């Protein structure tokens, strides 16, 4: 993987993760780096699912994007359920 590919994965992961966080109601107690990781994982698994169903994955594909965002929503739900909550006192 090239430097450009890594940079693209980070940007795309941040976008997919942010979309997942926007869809999940309420406040999510998770850092931005974890949002990006959830987005990257969701993007890879969503592309794999699109390939599994025989959908075109080169360029932009509506269903591939739906898979990715839906998986990001699930990922955000799981992370917020298990990520330790910060307390107000230090």
PDB file of N, CA and C in Angstrom:
ATOM      1  N   UNK A   1       0.847  -1.173   0.000  1.00  0.00           N
ATOM      2  CA  UNK A   1       0.000   0.000   0.000  1.00  0.00           C
ATOM      3  C   UNK A   1       0.896   1.240   0.000  1.00  0.00           C
ATOM      4  N   UNK A   2       0.539   2.188  -0.843  1.00  0.00           N
ATOM      5  CA  UNK A   2       1.333   3.406  -0.964  1.00  0.00           C
ATOM      6  C   UNK A   2       0.937   4.419   0.102  1.00  0.00           C
ATOM      7  N   UNK A   3       1.738   5.469   0.206  1.00  0.00           N
ATOM      8  CA  UNK A   3       1.440   6.552   1.147  1.00  0.00           C
ATOM      9  C   UNK A   3       0.103   7.189   0.782  1.00  0.00           C
ATOM     10  N   UNK A   4      -0.153   7.360  -0.500  1.00  0.00           N
ATOM     11  CA  UNK A   4      -1.432   7.921  -0.948  1.00  0.00           C
ATOM     12  C   UNK A   4      -2.605   7.034  -0.568  1.00  0.00           C
ATOM     13  N   UNK A   5      -2.418   5.719  -0.657  1.00  0.00           N
ATOM     14  CA  UNK A   5      -3.471   4.780  -0.275  1.00  0.00           C
ATOM     15  C   UNK A   5      -3.757   4.824   1.220  1.00  0.00           C
ATOM     16  N   UNK A   6      -2.709   4.964   2.023  1.00  0.00           N
ATOM     17  CA  UNK A   6      -2.886   5.069   3.467  1.00  0.00           C
ATOM     18  C   UNK A   6      -3.602   6.364   3.815  1.00  0.00           C
ATOM     19  N   UNK A   7      -3.199   7.464   3.178  1.00  0.00           N
ATOM     20  CA  UNK A   7      -3.835   8.760   3.418  1.00  0.00           C
ATOM     21  C   UNK A   7      -5.310   8.719   3.015  1.00  0.00           C
ATOM     22  N   UNK A   8      -5.594   8.098   1.879  1.00  0.00           N
ATOM     23  CA  UNK A   8      -6.980   7.973   1.418  1.00  0.00           C
ATOM     24  C   UNK A   8      -7.802   7.131   2.390  1.00  0.00           C
ATOM     25  N   UNK A   9      -7.239   6.033   2.890  1.00  0.00           N
ATOM     26  CA  UNK A   9      -7.942   5.188   3.862  1.00  0.00           C
ATOM     27  C   UNK A   9      -8.247   5.954   5.139  1.00  0.00           C
ATOM     28  N   UNK A  10      -7.318   6.786   5.593  1.00  0.00           N
ATOM     29  CA  UNK A  10      -7.552   7.591   6.793  1.00  0.00           C
ATOM     30  C   UNK A  10      -8.671   8.613   6.582  1.00  0.00           C
ATOM     31  N   UNK A  11      -8.631   9.301   5.459  1.00  0.00           N
ATOM     32  CA  UNK A  11      -9.664  10.306   5.169  1.00  0.00           C
ATOM     33  C   UNK A  11     -11.016   9.637   5.002  1.00  0.00           C
ATOM     34  N   UNK A  12     -11.063   8.566   4.206  1.00  0.00           N
ATOM     35  CA  UNK A  12     -12.321   7.871   3.965  1.00  0.00           C
ATOM     36  C   UNK A  12     -12.845   7.236   5.255  1.00  0.00           C
ATOM     37  N   UNK A  13     -11.951   6.696   6.071  1.00  0.00           N
ATOM     38  CA  UNK A  13     -12.347   6.130   7.364  1.00  0.00           C
ATOM     39  C   UNK A  13     -12.925   7.185   8.282  1.00  0.00           C
ATOM     40  N   UNK A  14     -12.324   8.378   8.274  1.00  0.00           N
ATOM     41  CA  UNK A  14     -12.850   9.463   9.096  1.00  0.00           C
ATOM     42  C   UNK A  14     -14.243   9.869   8.639  1.00  0.00           C
ATOM     43  N   UNK A  15     -14.463   9.912   7.336  1.00  0.00           N
ATOM     44  CA  UNK A  15     -15.781  10.294   6.807  1.00  0.00           C
ATOM     45  C   UNK A  15     -16.822   9.240   7.148  1.00  0.00           C
ATOM     46  N   UNK A  16     -16.509   7.969   6.910  1.00  0.00           N
ATOM     47  CA  UNK A  16     -17.459   6.886   7.204  1.00  0.00           C
ATOM     48  C   UNK A  16     -17.729   6.822   8.709  1.00  0.00           C
ATOM     49  N   UNK A  17     -16.694   6.941   9.534  1.00  0.00           N
ATOM     50  CA  UNK A  17     -16.873   6.933  10.988  1.00  0.00           C
ATOM     51  C   UNK A  17     -17.711   8.112  11.464  1.00  0.00           C
ATOM     52  N   UNK A  18     -17.468   9.293  10.884  1.00  0.00           N
ATOM     53  CA  UNK A  18     -18.254  10.476  11.263  1.00  0.00           C
ATOM     54  C   UNK A  18     -19.716  10.312  10.873  1.00  0.00           C
ATOM     55  N   UNK A  19     -19.966   9.731   9.705  1.00  0.00           N
ATOM     56  CA  UNK A  19     -21.357   9.467   9.307  1.00  0.00           C
ATOM     57  C   UNK A  19     -22.020   8.496  10.279  1.00  0.00           C
ATOM     58  N   UNK A  20     -21.275   7.485  10.694  1.00  0.00           N
ATOM     59  CA  UNK A  20     -21.807   6.535  11.676  1.00  0.00           C
ATOM     60  C   UNK A  20     -22.147   7.221  12.987  1.00  0.00           C
ATOM     61  N   UNK A  21     -21.278   8.133  13.431  1.00  0.00           N
ATOM     62  CA  UNK A  21     -21.541   8.854  14.684  1.00  0.00           C
ATOM     63  C   UNK A  21     -22.720   9.806  14.550  1.00  0.00           C
ATOM     64  N   UNK A  22     -22.896  10.394  13.370  1.00  0.00           N
ATOM     65  CA  UNK A  22     -24.031  11.300  13.165  1.00  0.00           C
ATOM     66  C   UNK A  22     -25.362  10.563  13.221  1.00  0.00           C
ATOM     67  N   UNK A  23     -25.370   9.338  12.761  1.00  0.00           N
ATOM     68  CA  UNK A  23     -26.613   8.566  12.714  1.00  0.00           C
ATOM     69  C   UNK A  23     -26.985   8.021  14.090  1.00  0.00           C
ATOM     70  N   UNK A  24     -25.989   7.657  14.891  1.00  0.00           N
ATOM     71  CA  UNK A  24     -26.258   7.117  16.229  1.00  0.00           C
ATOM     72  C   UNK A  24     -26.765   8.256  17.116  1.00  0.00           C
ATOM     73  N   UNK A  25     -27.935   8.075  17.729  1.00  0.00           N
ATOM     74  CA  UNK A  25     -28.473   9.154  18.568  1.00  0.00           C
ATOM     75  C   UNK A  25     -27.698   9.313  19.879  1.00  0.00           C
ATOM     76  N   UNK A  26     -27.719  10.516  20.405  1.00  0.00           N
ATOM     77  CA  UNK A  26     -27.072  10.784  21.683  1.00  0.00           C
ATOM     78  C   UNK A  26     -25.607  11.119  21.535  1.00  0.00           C
ATOM     79  N   UNK A  27     -24.965  11.309  22.678  1.00  0.00           N
ATOM     80  CA  UNK A  27     -23.541  11.638  22.707  1.00  0.00           C
ATOM     81  C   UNK A  27     -22.730  10.353  22.812  1.00  0.00           C
ATOM     82  N   UNK A  28     -21.732  10.242  21.960  1.00  0.00           N
ATOM     83  CA  UNK A  28     -20.850   9.080  22.003  1.00  0.00           C
ATOM     84  C   UNK A  28     -19.554   9.473  22.699  1.00  0.00           C
ATOM     85  N   UNK A  29     -19.189   8.692  23.686  1.00  0.00           N
ATOM     86  CA  UNK A  29     -17.975   8.952  24.450  1.00  0.00           C
ATOM     87  C   UNK A  29     -16.833   8.138  23.852  1.00  0.00           C
ATOM     88  N   UNK A  30     -16.336   8.603  22.695  1.00  0.00           N
ATOM     89  CA  UNK A  30     -15.214   7.917  22.062  1.00  0.00           C
ATOM     90  C   UNK A  30     -14.321   8.953  21.391  1.00  0.00           C
ATOM     91  N   UNK A  31     -13.007   8.734  21.428  1.00  0.00           N
ATOM     92  CA  UNK A  31     -12.080   9.696  20.824  1.00  0.00           C
ATOM     93  C   UNK A  31     -12.138   9.663  19.297  1.00  0.00           C
ATOM     94  N   UNK A  32     -11.635  10.719  18.674  1.00  0.00           N
ATOM     95  CA  UNK A  32     -11.673  10.839  17.213  1.00  0.00           C
ATOM     96  C   UNK A  32     -10.853   9.730  16.548  1.00  0.00           C
ATOM     97  N   UNK A  33      -9.749   9.343  17.166  1.00  0.00           N
ATOM     98  CA  UNK A  33      -8.939   8.295  16.548  1.00  0.00           C
ATOM     99  C   UNK A  33      -9.715   6.985  16.471  1.00  0.00           C
ATOM    100  N   UNK A  34     -10.564   6.731  17.465  1.00  0.00           N
ATOM    101  CA  UNK A  34     -11.362   5.512  17.465  1.00  0.00           C
ATOM    102  C   UNK A  34     -12.482   5.596  16.424  1.00  0.00           C
ATOM    103  N   UNK A  35     -12.995   6.803  16.207  1.00  0.00           N
ATOM    104  CA  UNK A  35     -13.980   7.014  15.144  1.00  0.00           C
ATOM    105  C   UNK A  35     -13.369   6.672  13.791  1.00  0.00           C
ATOM    106  N   UNK A  36     -12.130   7.097  13.570  1.00  0.00           N
ATOM    107  CA  UNK A  36     -11.444   6.817  12.307  1.00  0.00           C
ATOM    108  C   UNK A  36     -11.206   5.322  12.158  1.00  0.00           C
ATOM    109  N   UNK A  37     -10.781   4.653  13.233  1.00  0.00           N
ATOM    110  CA  UNK A  37     -10.543   3.204  13.179  1.00  0.00           C
ATOM    111  C   UNK A  37     -11.843   2.461  12.859  1.00  0.00           C
ATOM    112  N   UNK A  38     -12.942   2.846  13.528  1.00  0.00           N
ATOM    113  CA  UNK A  38     -14.243   2.225  13.248  1.00  0.00           C
ATOM    114  C   UNK A  38     -14.620   2.448  11.783  1.00  0.00           C
ATOM    115  N   UNK A  39     -14.392   3.657  11.274  1.00  0.00           N
ATOM    116  CA  UNK A  39     -14.705   3.963   9.878  1.00  0.00           C
ATOM    117  C   UNK A  39     -13.874   3.158   8.897  1.00  0.00           C
ATOM    118  N   UNK A  40     -12.589   2.998   9.180  1.00  0.00           N
ATOM    119  CA  UNK A  40     -11.715   2.223   8.285  1.00  0.00           C
ATOM    120  C   UNK A  40     -12.139   0.756   8.269  1.00  0.00           C
ATOM    121  N   UNK A  41     -12.386   0.197   9.447  1.00  0.00           N
ATOM    122  CA  UNK A  41     -12.823  -1.201   9.524  1.00  0.00           C
ATOM    123  C   UNK A  41     -14.160  -1.380   8.805  1.00  0.00           C
ATOM    124  N   UNK A  42     -15.091  -0.448   9.024  1.00  0.00           N
ATOM    125  CA  UNK A  42     -16.393  -0.523   8.367  1.00  0.00           C
ATOM    126  C   UNK A  42     -16.247  -0.409   6.848  1.00  0.00           C
ATOM    127  N   UNK A  43     -15.333   0.436   6.388  1.00  0.00           N
ATOM    128  CA  UNK A  43     -15.117   0.587   4.950  1.00  0.00           C
ATOM    129  C   UNK A  43     -14.584  -0.709   4.331  1.00  0.00           C
ATOM    130  N   UNK A  44     -13.614  -1.333   4.998  1.00  0.00           N
ATOM    131  CA  UNK A  44     -13.064  -2.582   4.467  1.00  0.00           C
ATOM    132  C   UNK A  44     -14.098  -3.708   4.468  1.00  0.00           C
ATOM    133  N   UNK A  45     -14.829  -3.850   5.564  1.00  0.00           N
ATOM    134  CA  UNK A  45     -15.835  -4.915   5.637  1.00  0.00           C
ATOM    135  C   UNK A  45     -16.989  -4.633   4.686  1.00  0.00           C
ATOM    136  N   UNK A  46     -17.382  -3.365   4.558  1.00  0.00           N
ATOM    137  CA  UNK A  46     -18.446  -3.009   3.612  1.00  0.00           C
ATOM    138  C   UNK A  46     -18.064  -3.304   2.169  1.00  0.00           C
ATOM    139  N   UNK A  47     -16.815  -3.036   1.821  1.00  0.00           N
ATOM    140  CA  UNK A  47     -16.336  -3.361   0.467  1.00  0.00           C
ATOM    141  C   UNK A  47     -16.305  -4.870   0.267  1.00  0.00           C
ATOM    142  N   UNK A  48     -15.889  -5.610   1.291  1.00  0.00           N
ATOM    143  CA  UNK A  48     -15.877  -7.068   1.204  1.00  0.00           C
ATOM    144  C   UNK A  48     -17.288  -7.606   0.996  1.00  0.00           C
ATOM    145  N   UNK A  49     -18.265  -7.061   1.742  1.00  0.00           N
ATOM    146  CA  UNK A  49     -19.657  -7.498   1.575  1.00  0.00           C
ATOM    147  C   UNK A  49     -20.171  -7.172   0.181  1.00  0.00           C
ATOM    148  N   UNK A  50     -19.833  -6.010  -0.328  1.00  0.00           N
ATOM    149  CA  UNK A  50     -20.263  -5.645  -1.679  1.00  0.00           C
ATOM    150  C   UNK A  50     -19.678  -6.614  -2.699  1.00  0.00           C
ATOM    151  N   UNK A  51     -18.416  -6.979  -2.530  1.00  0.00           N
ATOM    152  CA  UNK A  51     -17.802  -7.981  -3.417  1.00  0.00           C
ATOM    153  C   UNK A  51     -18.500  -9.327  -3.280  1.00  0.00           C
ATOM    154  N   UNK A  52     -18.854  -9.694  -2.058  1.00  0.00           N
ATOM    155  CA  UNK A  52     -19.531 -10.963  -1.798  1.00  0.00           C
ATOM    156  C   UNK A  52     -20.868 -11.036  -2.537  1.00  0.00           C
ATOM    157  N   UNK A  53     -21.574  -9.901  -2.605  1.00  0.00           N
ATOM    158  CA  UNK A  53     -22.858  -9.849  -3.304  1.00  0.00           C
ATOM    159  C   UNK A  53     -22.715  -9.554  -4.791  1.00  0.00           C
ATOM    160  N   UNK A  54     -21.492  -9.480  -5.276  1.00  0.00           N
ATOM    161  CA  UNK A  54     -21.257  -9.287  -6.702  1.00  0.00           C
ATOM    162  C   UNK A  54     -21.473  -7.866  -7.191  1.00  0.00           C
ATOM    163  N   UNK A  55     -21.389  -6.898  -6.293  1.00  0.00           N
ATOM    164  CA  UNK A  55     -21.564  -5.499  -6.683  1.00  0.00           C
ATOM    165  C   UNK A  55     -20.244  -4.913  -7.155  1.00  0.00           C
ATOM    166  N   UNK A  56     -20.327  -3.936  -8.027  1.00  0.00           N
ATOM    167  CA  UNK A  56     -19.143  -3.251  -8.531  1.00  0.00           C
ATOM    168  C   UNK A  56     -18.528  -2.439  -7.392  1.00  0.00           C
ATOM    169  N   UNK A  57     -17.240  -2.599  -7.164  1.00  0.00           N
ATOM    170  CA  UNK A  57     -16.595  -1.868  -6.074  1.00  0.00           C
ATOM    171  C   UNK A  57     -15.540  -0.894  -6.573  1.00  0.00           C
ATOM    172  N   UNK A  58     -15.363  -0.774  -7.888  1.00  0.00           N
ATOM    173  CA  UNK A  58     -14.444   0.245  -8.392  1.00  0.00           C
ATOM    174  C   UNK A  58     -15.241   1.526  -8.612  1.00  0.00           C
ATOM    175  N   UNK A  59     -14.670   2.633  -8.165  1.00  0.00           N
ATOM    176  CA  UNK A  59     -15.419   3.884  -8.226  1.00  0.00           C
ATOM    177  C   UNK A  59     -16.429   3.938  -7.094  1.00  0.00           C
ATOM    178  N   UNK A  60     -17.469   4.746  -7.253  1.00  0.00           N
ATOM    179  CA  UNK A  60     -18.473   4.892  -6.203  1.00  0.00           C
ATOM    180  C   UNK A  60     -19.644   3.962  -6.473  1.00  0.00           C
ATOM    181  N   UNK A  61     -20.124   3.300  -5.428  1.00  0.00           N
ATOM    182  CA  UNK A  61     -21.274   2.398  -5.534  1.00  0.00           C
ATOM    183  C   UNK A  61     -22.205   2.691  -4.370  1.00  0.00           C
ATOM    184  N   UNK A  62     -23.494   2.923  -4.654  1.00  0.00           N
ATOM    185  CA  UNK A  62     -24.473   3.265  -3.636  1.00  0.00           C
ATOM    186  C   UNK A  62     -24.564   2.193  -2.561  1.00  0.00           C
ATOM    187  N   UNK A  63     -24.715   0.940  -2.942  1.00  0.00           N
ATOM    188  CA  UNK A  63     -24.905  -0.131  -1.968  1.00  0.00           C
ATOM    189  C   UNK A  63     -23.652  -0.386  -1.142  1.00  0.00           C
ATOM    190  N   UNK A  64     -22.514  -0.257  -1.750  1.00  0.00           N
ATOM    191  CA  UNK A  64     -21.272  -0.412  -0.996  1.00  0.00           C
ATOM    192  C   UNK A  64     -21.190   0.652   0.104  1.00  0.00           C
ATOM    193  N   UNK A  65     -21.553   1.881  -0.234  1.00  0.00           N
ATOM    194  CA  UNK A  65     -21.543   2.968   0.738  1.00  0.00           C
ATOM    195  C   UNK A  65     -22.562   2.725   1.847  1.00  0.00           C
ATOM    196  N   UNK A  66     -23.735   2.210   1.497  1.00  0.00           N
ATOM    197  CA  UNK A  66     -24.752   1.891   2.501  1.00  0.00           C
ATOM    198  C   UNK A  66     -24.228   0.827   3.461  1.00  0.00           C
ATOM    199  N   UNK A  67     -23.585  -0.215   2.922  1.00  0.00           N
ATOM    200  CA  UNK A  67     -22.990  -1.251   3.768  1.00  0.00           C
ATOM    201  C   UNK A  67     -21.964  -0.635   4.718  1.00  0.00           C
ATOM    202  N   UNK A  68     -21.105   0.221   4.192  1.00  0.00           N
ATOM    203  CA  UNK A  68     -20.046   0.809   4.997  1.00  0.00           C
ATOM    204  C   UNK A  68     -20.601   1.682   6.119  1.00  0.00           C
ATOM    205  N   UNK A  69     -21.569   2.526   5.794  1.00  0.00           N
ATOM    206  CA  UNK A  69     -22.141   3.409   6.815  1.00  0.00           C
ATOM    207  C   UNK A  69     -22.923   2.600   7.855  1.00  0.00           C
ATOM    208  N   UNK A  70     -23.674   1.595   7.403  1.00  0.00           N
ATOM    209  CA  UNK A  70     -24.424   0.752   8.343  1.00  0.00           C
ATOM    210  C   UNK A  70     -23.470   0.026   9.295  1.00  0.00           C
ATOM    211  N   UNK A  71     -22.364  -0.457   8.771  1.00  0.00           N
ATOM    212  CA  UNK A  71     -21.378  -1.118   9.630  1.00  0.00           C
ATOM    213  C   UNK A  71     -20.709  -0.121  10.577  1.00  0.00           C
ATOM    214  N   UNK A  72     -20.518   1.110  10.122  1.00  0.00           N
ATOM    215  CA  UNK A  72     -19.962   2.134  11.003  1.00  0.00           C
ATOM    216  C   UNK A  72     -20.927   2.447  12.142  1.00  0.00           C
ATOM    217  N   UNK A  73     -22.226   2.483  11.853  1.00  0.00           N
ATOM    218  CA  UNK A  73     -23.230   2.709  12.893  1.00  0.00           C
ATOM    219  C   UNK A  73     -23.162   1.585  13.924  1.00  0.00           C
ATOM    220  N   UNK A  74     -23.103   0.348  13.452  1.00  0.00           N
ATOM    221  CA  UNK A  74     -22.997  -0.800  14.360  1.00  0.00           C
ATOM    222  C   UNK A  74     -21.701  -0.702  15.176  1.00  0.00           C
ATOM    223  N   UNK A  75     -20.615  -0.333  14.510  1.00  0.00           N
ATOM    224  CA  UNK A  75     -19.334  -0.192  15.210  1.00  0.00           C
ATOM    225  C   UNK A  75     -19.377   0.890  16.272  1.00  0.00           C
ATOM    226  N   UNK A  76     -19.995   2.020  15.969  1.00  0.00           N
ATOM    227  CA  UNK A  76     -20.103   3.102  16.955  1.00  0.00           C
ATOM    228  C   UNK A  76     -20.948   2.649  18.140  1.00  0.00           C
ATOM    229  N   UNK A  77     -22.067   1.955  17.868  1.00  0.00           N
ATOM    230  CA  UNK A  77     -22.885   1.412  18.963  1.00  0.00           C
ATOM    231  C   UNK A  77     -22.066   0.489  19.860  1.00  0.00           C
ATOM    232  N   UNK A  78     -21.310  -0.412  19.254  1.00  0.00           N
ATOM    233  CA  UNK A  78     -20.518  -1.363  20.035  1.00  0.00           C
ATOM    234  C   UNK A  78     -19.426  -0.672  20.841  1.00  0.00           C
ATOM    235  N   UNK A  79     -18.733   0.266  20.212  1.00  0.00           N
ATOM    236  CA  UNK A  79     -17.653   0.957  20.911  1.00  0.00           C
ATOM    237  C   UNK A  79     -18.205   1.768  22.071  1.00  0.00           C
ATOM    238  N   UNK A  80     -19.302   2.496  21.852  1.00  0.00           N
ATOM    239  CA  UNK A  80     -19.844   3.302  22.946  1.00  0.00           C
ATOM    240  C   UNK A  80     -20.410   2.431  24.064  1.00  0.00           C
ATOM    241  N   UNK A  81     -20.830   1.219  23.740  1.00  0.00           N
ATOM    242  CA  UNK A  81     -21.335   0.316  24.779  1.00  0.00           C
ATOM    243  C   UNK A  81     -20.202  -0.225  25.647  1.00  0.00           C
ATOM    244  N   UNK A  82     -19.018  -0.418  25.069  1.00  0.00           N
ATOM    245  CA  UNK A  82     -17.927  -1.052  25.795  1.00  0.00           C
ATOM    246  C   UNK A  82     -16.775  -0.118  26.149  1.00  0.00           C
ATOM    247  N   UNK A  83     -16.713   1.069  25.549  1.00  0.00           N
ATOM    248  CA  UNK A  83     -15.624   2.001  25.832  1.00  0.00           C
ATOM    249  C   UNK A  83     -15.845   2.617  27.209  1.00  0.00           C
ATOM    250  N   UNK A  84     -14.809   2.695  28.045  1.00  0.00           N
ATOM    251  CA  UNK A  84     -15.003   3.240  29.396  1.00  0.00           C
ATOM    252  C   UNK A  84     -15.469   4.695  29.354  1.00  0.00           C
ATOM    253  N   UNK A  85     -16.404   5.000  30.211  1.00  0.00           N
ATOM    254  CA  UNK A  85     -16.946   6.346  30.307  1.00  0.00           C
ATOM    255  C   UNK A  85     -15.982   7.215  31.114  1.00  0.00           C
ATOM    256  N   UNK A  86     -15.813   8.447  30.659  1.00  0.00           N
ATOM    257  CA  UNK A  86     -14.977   9.380  31.416  1.00  0.00           C
ATOM    258  C   UNK A  86     -15.805  10.000  32.511  1.00  0.00           C
ATOM    259  N   UNK A  87     -15.204  10.151  33.664  1.00  0.00           N
ATOM    260  CA  UNK A  87     -15.883  10.814  34.763  1.00  0.00           C
ATOM    261  C   UNK A  87     -15.524  12.290  34.750  1.00  0.00           C
ATOM    262  N   UNK A  88     -16.374  13.105  35.343  1.00  0.00           N
ATOM    263  CA  UNK A  88     -16.158  14.540  35.364  1.00  0.00           C
ATOM    264  C   UNK A  88     -15.042  14.988  36.291  1.00  0.00           C
ATOM    265  N   UNK A  89     -14.692  14.187  37.283  1.00  0.00           N
ATOM    266  CA  UNK A  89     -13.642  14.587  38.233  1.00  0.00           C
ATOM    267  C   UNK A  89     -12.284  14.087  37.779  1.00  0.00           C
ATOM    268  N   UNK A  90     -11.253  14.865  38.105  1.00  0.00           N
ATOM    269  CA  UNK A  90      -9.878  14.475  37.746  1.00  0.00           C
ATOM    270  C   UNK A  90      -9.081  14.190  38.971  1.00  0.00           C
TER     271      UNK A  90
END
